[in-house]
Amino acid sequence: MTGAPTQPLAGRIAIVTGAGRGIGRAYSLRLAALGADVAVVDRDLRSYEEFELEREAMWAGTTAEEVETLGRRALALEVDVTDPGAIDAAVAEVLGAWGRLDIAVCNAGGGAGTMEETRASCVSEELLDVIVQRNLYGTIHTCRAVARPMKKQRWGRIVTISSQAGRRAYPDGGYSVYGAAKAGIAMYTRYLAQELGPYDVTANCLAPGYIATGRLMPLFSSLGAKELLGSIALRRYGTPDDCAGPLEFLVTELGSYVTGAVIPVDGGSTL
């Protein structure tokens, strides 16, 4: 009896958006460790420099360089996923360089504005547009671009990223549009799974909770760390690697019969 292969994704090609730091970086490194070559996509590949904890985590100049230190090929692409032409061009570049595309992680997104500015009844047109474009539109643009080659080759794994904010509302109605956009991503993924299933392309969604990235830790502190931790069954914040584990399941043969799923990665959070 033999064990599982140490590099189950050897020969596979992946693209990860929002991969310059934080959870997207962890997704990229996990895929590389599993044997995949990775196209690292971000608006700013050195965005980690803005956050002390993110700077401390890096061991090379960019996530793409870190992928290469793991012995895999990498492409470093600065792309804004809210621009459909730009993400189409990025996918074309991956196909031109490596000939195929097997795995897509649509991680780019994020909130904007304060909790008070994004309450359900008073969010501004400007913030509404920024948040929906960054999250829902960016995800759809990416999924449309990657689905075409996956359908043609009749195999693929797409993983989108929602949030616990897309599963339940925060008290006082703050971050309403972010939550609505993330809920939209979850439902869009379910529809995508139905369309792409006959092509042996799966589409699943991860919904992280309170994940301790360099960008989010100051926000958690401002919201009240004691209250937040008390609402999490495991009594700790998650880590980017905690998110990479479920991703590994979904993109390897372990998850080959799972599609249309929305998987919470929140430590049992109730807040």
Protein backbone atom coordinates (compact mmCIF):
# COMPACT_ATOMS: atom_id res chain seq x y z
CA MET A 1 0.00 0.00 0.00
CA THR A 2 1.44 3.35 -1.04
CA GLY A 3 0.80 6.74 0.51
CA ALA A 4 -0.62 9.82 -1.16
CA PRO A 5 1.71 11.57 -3.62
CA THR A 6 3.76 14.34 -2.04
CA GLN A 7 3.11 16.61 -5.02
CA PRO A 8 -0.40 15.77 -6.22
CA LEU A 9 -0.49 18.89 -8.41
CA ALA A 10 2.72 18.18 -10.31
CA GLY A 11 2.24 19.36 -13.91
CA ARG A 12 -0.76 21.53 -13.04
CA ILE A 13 -0.95 25.26 -13.82
CA ALA A 14 -2.61 27.66 -11.38
CA ILE A 15 -3.52 31.33 -11.25
CA VAL A 16 -4.18 33.14 -7.97
CA THR A 17 -5.53 36.68 -7.85
CA GLY A 18 -4.90 39.01 -4.93
CA ALA A 19 -1.75 37.01 -4.28
CA GLY A 20 0.73 39.74 -3.33
CA ARG A 21 0.26 39.20 0.40
CA GLY A 22 -1.88 37.64 3.10
CA ILE A 23 -4.25 34.80 2.29
CA GLY A 24 -3.62 34.98 -1.46
CA ARG A 25 0.09 34.52 -0.81
CA ALA A 26 -0.68 31.47 1.35
CA TYR A 27 -2.82 29.98 -1.43
CA SER A 28 0.01 30.48 -3.94
CA LEU A 29 2.64 28.92 -1.71
CA ARG A 30 0.44 25.93 -0.87
CA LEU A 31 -0.23 25.27 -4.56
CA ALA A 32 3.49 25.50 -5.30
CA ALA A 33 4.31 23.14 -2.44
CA LEU A 34 1.84 20.68 -3.95
CA GLY A 35 3.68 20.83 -7.28
CA ALA A 36 1.80 23.43 -9.32
CA ASP A 37 3.33 26.26 -11.31
CA VAL A 38 1.65 29.50 -10.24
CA ALA A 39 0.75 32.77 -11.94
CA VAL A 40 0.72 35.34 -9.13
CA VAL A 41 -1.71 38.18 -9.86
CA ASP A 42 -2.19 41.39 -7.89
CA ARG A 43 -2.75 45.09 -8.50
CA ASP A 44 0.51 45.66 -6.64
CA LEU A 45 2.85 42.69 -6.20
CA ARG A 46 4.63 44.51 -3.37
CA SER A 47 1.53 45.60 -1.48
CA TYR A 48 2.80 43.68 1.53
CA GLU A 49 5.20 46.57 2.17
CA GLU A 50 2.31 48.61 3.64
CA PHE A 51 1.88 46.22 6.59
CA GLU A 52 4.52 45.31 9.16
CA LEU A 53 3.29 41.77 9.79
CA GLU A 54 3.14 41.08 6.06
CA ARG A 55 6.68 42.38 5.56
CA GLU A 56 7.94 40.13 8.33
CA ALA A 57 6.30 37.06 6.76
CA MET A 58 7.98 37.44 3.35
CA TRP A 59 11.20 35.57 2.58
CA ALA A 60 11.69 36.98 -0.94
CA GLY A 61 10.87 40.16 -2.82
CA THR A 62 7.47 38.98 -4.11
CA THR A 63 5.16 35.99 -3.80
CA ALA A 64 6.23 34.92 -7.29
CA GLU A 65 9.87 34.83 -6.18
CA GLU A 66 8.84 32.75 -3.16
CA VAL A 67 7.09 30.29 -5.47
CA GLU A 68 10.32 29.92 -7.41
CA THR A 69 12.27 29.20 -4.23
CA LEU A 70 9.97 26.19 -3.81
CA GLY A 71 11.20 24.87 -7.15
CA ARG A 72 8.18 25.81 -9.23
CA ARG A 73 7.76 28.19 -12.17
CA ALA A 74 6.03 31.49 -11.52
CA LEU A 75 4.61 34.40 -13.48
CA ALA A 76 4.29 37.78 -11.77
CA LEU A 77 1.40 39.78 -13.23
CA GLU A 78 0.19 43.17 -12.00
CA VAL A 79 -3.49 43.21 -12.94
CA ASP A 80 -6.63 44.93 -11.67
CA VAL A 81 -9.41 42.31 -11.80
CA THR A 82 -12.07 45.02 -12.05
CA ASP A 83 -10.83 45.48 -15.65
CA PRO A 84 -12.16 42.50 -17.66
CA GLY A 85 -9.77 43.14 -20.54
CA ALA A 86 -6.80 43.07 -18.16
CA ILE A 87 -7.75 39.73 -16.61
CA ASP A 88 -8.44 38.29 -20.07
CA ALA A 89 -4.94 39.36 -21.10
CA ALA A 90 -3.43 37.83 -17.96
CA VAL A 91 -5.07 34.47 -18.65
CA ALA A 92 -3.89 34.68 -22.26
CA GLU A 93 -0.35 35.28 -20.99
CA VAL A 94 -0.53 32.20 -18.77
CA LEU A 95 -1.77 30.10 -21.68
CA GLY A 96 0.93 31.51 -23.95
CA ALA A 97 3.65 30.71 -21.44
CA TRP A 98 2.50 27.33 -20.18
CA GLY A 99 -0.12 26.05 -22.62
CA ARG A 100 -2.93 25.29 -20.20
CA LEU A 101 -4.70 26.46 -17.05
CA ASP A 102 -5.96 23.97 -14.48
CA ILE A 103 -6.64 25.84 -11.23
CA ALA A 104 -7.95 29.33 -10.55
CA VAL A 105 -8.25 30.92 -7.13
CA CYS A 106 -10.30 34.12 -7.32
CA ASN A 107 -9.02 35.72 -4.16
CA ALA A 108 -8.81 39.41 -5.12
CA GLY A 109 -11.28 41.60 -3.24
CA GLY A 110 -11.62 43.38 0.06
CA GLY A 111 -13.69 46.01 1.78
CA ALA A 112 -13.54 49.79 1.67
CA GLY A 113 -14.67 52.48 4.06
CA THR A 114 -15.43 52.24 7.76
CA MET A 115 -18.17 50.24 9.44
CA GLU A 116 -20.15 53.48 9.89
CA GLU A 117 -19.72 54.57 6.25
CA THR A 118 -20.92 51.23 4.91
CA ARG A 119 -24.12 50.77 6.88
CA ALA A 120 -26.95 49.37 4.81
CA SER A 121 -29.12 52.49 4.59
CA CYS A 122 -26.46 55.13 4.02
CA VAL A 123 -23.55 53.72 2.01
CA SER A 124 -22.40 56.19 -0.64
CA GLU A 125 -22.55 55.59 -4.38
CA GLU A 126 -18.75 55.77 -4.50
CA LEU A 127 -18.22 53.05 -1.89
CA LEU A 128 -21.01 50.95 -3.37
CA ASP A 129 -19.29 50.97 -6.75
CA VAL A 130 -15.79 50.32 -5.39
CA ILE A 131 -16.82 47.40 -3.20
CA VAL A 132 -19.04 45.63 -5.74
CA GLN A 133 -16.50 46.08 -8.53
CA ARG A 134 -13.60 44.87 -6.36
CA ASN A 135 -15.38 41.76 -5.09
CA LEU A 136 -18.32 40.55 -7.18
CA TYR A 137 -17.35 41.99 -10.55
CA GLY A 138 -13.69 41.06 -10.15
CA THR A 139 -14.61 37.48 -9.33
CA ILE A 140 -16.99 37.18 -12.28
CA HIS A 141 -14.44 38.70 -14.67
CA THR A 142 -11.85 36.17 -13.51
CA CYS A 143 -14.20 33.19 -13.64
CA ARG A 144 -15.32 34.03 -17.17
CA ALA A 145 -11.70 34.28 -18.33
CA VAL A 146 -10.51 31.02 -16.77
CA ALA A 147 -13.62 29.00 -17.64
CA ARG A 148 -12.96 29.22 -21.37
CA PRO A 149 -9.70 27.22 -21.43
CA MET A 150 -10.94 24.86 -18.72
CA LYS A 151 -14.04 23.99 -20.74
CA LYS A 152 -11.90 23.45 -23.82
CA GLN A 153 -9.53 21.06 -22.02
CA ARG A 154 -12.47 19.52 -20.11
CA TRP A 155 -10.87 19.77 -16.67
CA GLY A 156 -10.45 22.49 -14.12
CA ARG A 157 -10.79 23.62 -10.53
CA ILE A 158 -12.16 27.08 -9.69
CA VAL A 159 -12.23 28.36 -6.12
CA THR A 160 -13.87 31.68 -5.30
CA ILE A 161 -13.64 33.53 -2.01
CA SER A 162 -16.65 34.75 -0.06
CA SER A 163 -16.59 35.69 3.64
CA GLN A 164 -18.45 35.09 6.85
CA ALA A 165 -19.83 38.58 6.15
CA GLY A 166 -21.62 37.03 3.18
CA ARG A 167 -23.27 34.41 5.42
CA ARG A 168 -24.56 36.57 8.27
CA ALA A 169 -24.88 40.29 8.95
CA TYR A 170 -22.62 42.19 11.28
CA PRO A 171 -24.32 44.07 14.15
CA ASP A 172 -25.38 47.65 13.35
CA GLY A 173 -25.45 46.99 9.60
CA GLY A 174 -21.83 47.95 8.90
CA TYR A 175 -19.97 46.55 5.88
CA SER A 176 -23.35 45.84 4.29
CA VAL A 177 -22.27 46.09 0.65
CA TYR A 178 -19.17 43.98 1.26
CA GLY A 179 -21.38 41.31 2.82
CA ALA A 180 -23.87 41.54 -0.04
CA ALA A 181 -21.09 41.26 -2.64
CA LYS A 182 -19.59 38.25 -0.87
CA ALA A 183 -23.03 36.61 -0.66
CA GLY A 184 -23.34 37.23 -4.38
CA ILE A 185 -20.03 35.46 -4.97
CA ALA A 186 -21.28 32.40 -3.11
CA MET A 187 -24.47 32.18 -5.17
CA TYR A 188 -22.66 32.94 -8.42
CA THR A 189 -20.31 30.04 -7.66
CA ARG A 190 -23.24 27.68 -7.21
CA TYR A 191 -24.55 28.66 -10.64
CA LEU A 192 -21.08 28.32 -12.16
CA ALA A 193 -20.79 24.80 -10.75
CA GLN A 194 -24.01 23.78 -12.46
CA GLU A 195 -22.84 25.14 -15.81
CA LEU A 196 -19.32 23.73 -15.73
CA GLY A 197 -19.95 20.33 -14.16
CA PRO A 198 -20.44 18.52 -17.50
CA TYR A 199 -16.92 19.65 -18.48
CA ASP A 200 -15.36 18.12 -15.32
CA VAL A 201 -14.72 21.62 -14.01
CA THR A 202 -15.62 22.14 -10.36
CA ALA A 203 -16.45 25.49 -8.78
CA ASN A 204 -16.42 25.92 -5.03
CA CYS A 205 -16.28 28.80 -2.58
CA LEU A 206 -14.37 29.37 0.66
CA ALA A 207 -15.82 31.75 3.26
CA PRO A 208 -13.07 32.83 5.68
CA GLY A 209 -13.84 34.33 9.05
CA TYR A 210 -11.50 36.37 11.23
CA ILE A 211 -8.13 35.62 9.62
CA ALA A 212 -5.07 37.24 11.21
CA THR A 213 -3.43 38.99 8.29
CA GLY A 214 -1.29 42.08 8.60
CA ARG A 215 -4.04 44.22 7.10
CA LEU A 216 -6.88 42.92 9.26
CA MET A 217 -5.31 42.65 12.71
CA PRO A 218 -5.61 46.41 13.42
CA LEU A 219 -9.30 46.24 12.42
CA PHE A 220 -9.92 43.31 14.78
CA SER A 221 -8.31 45.26 17.60
CA SER A 222 -10.55 48.25 16.94
CA LEU A 223 -13.65 46.03 16.98
CA GLY A 224 -12.70 44.54 20.36
CA ALA A 225 -10.41 41.52 20.37
CA LYS A 226 -11.91 39.98 23.52
CA GLU A 227 -15.43 40.01 22.11
CA LEU A 228 -14.34 38.69 18.73
CA LEU A 229 -12.30 35.82 20.18
CA GLY A 230 -15.13 34.95 22.53
CA SER A 231 -17.43 34.50 19.51
CA ILE A 232 -15.09 31.95 17.87
CA ALA A 233 -15.56 28.34 19.00
CA LEU A 234 -11.83 27.62 18.67
CA ARG A 235 -11.00 30.81 20.60
CA ARG A 236 -8.33 32.00 18.20
CA TYR A 237 -8.08 33.92 14.96
CA GLY A 238 -7.48 31.91 11.83
CA THR A 239 -4.24 32.05 9.86
CA PRO A 240 -3.69 32.23 6.10
CA ASP A 241 -2.50 28.60 6.26
CA ASP A 242 -5.84 27.65 7.84
CA CYS A 243 -7.44 28.85 4.60
CA ALA A 244 -4.90 27.06 2.41
CA GLY A 245 -5.83 23.67 3.87
CA PRO A 246 -9.42 23.63 2.53
CA LEU A 247 -8.10 24.97 -0.77
CA GLU A 248 -5.78 21.96 -1.02
CA PHE A 249 -8.77 19.66 -0.52
CA LEU A 250 -10.80 21.36 -3.25
CA VAL A 251 -8.12 21.42 -5.96
CA THR A 252 -6.68 17.91 -5.48
CA GLU A 253 -8.35 14.58 -6.08
CA LEU A 254 -9.53 14.63 -2.46
CA GLY A 255 -12.27 17.04 -3.51
CA SER A 256 -12.96 15.76 -7.00
CA TYR A 257 -16.64 15.04 -6.25
CA VAL A 258 -17.29 18.35 -4.51
CA THR A 259 -18.74 21.25 -6.50
CA GLY A 260 -21.09 24.11 -5.75
CA ALA A 261 -20.05 24.05 -2.10
CA VAL A 262 -19.55 27.06 0.17
CA ILE A 263 -17.15 26.06 2.95
CA PRO A 264 -16.84 28.23 6.07
CA VAL A 265 -13.27 28.64 7.33
CA ASP A 266 -14.14 30.57 10.48
CA GLY A 267 -13.27 28.46 13.52
CA GLY A 268 -16.95 28.20 14.40
CA SER A 269 -17.50 31.96 14.60
CA THR A 270 -20.94 33.19 15.61
CA LEU A 271 -20.37 36.96 15.28
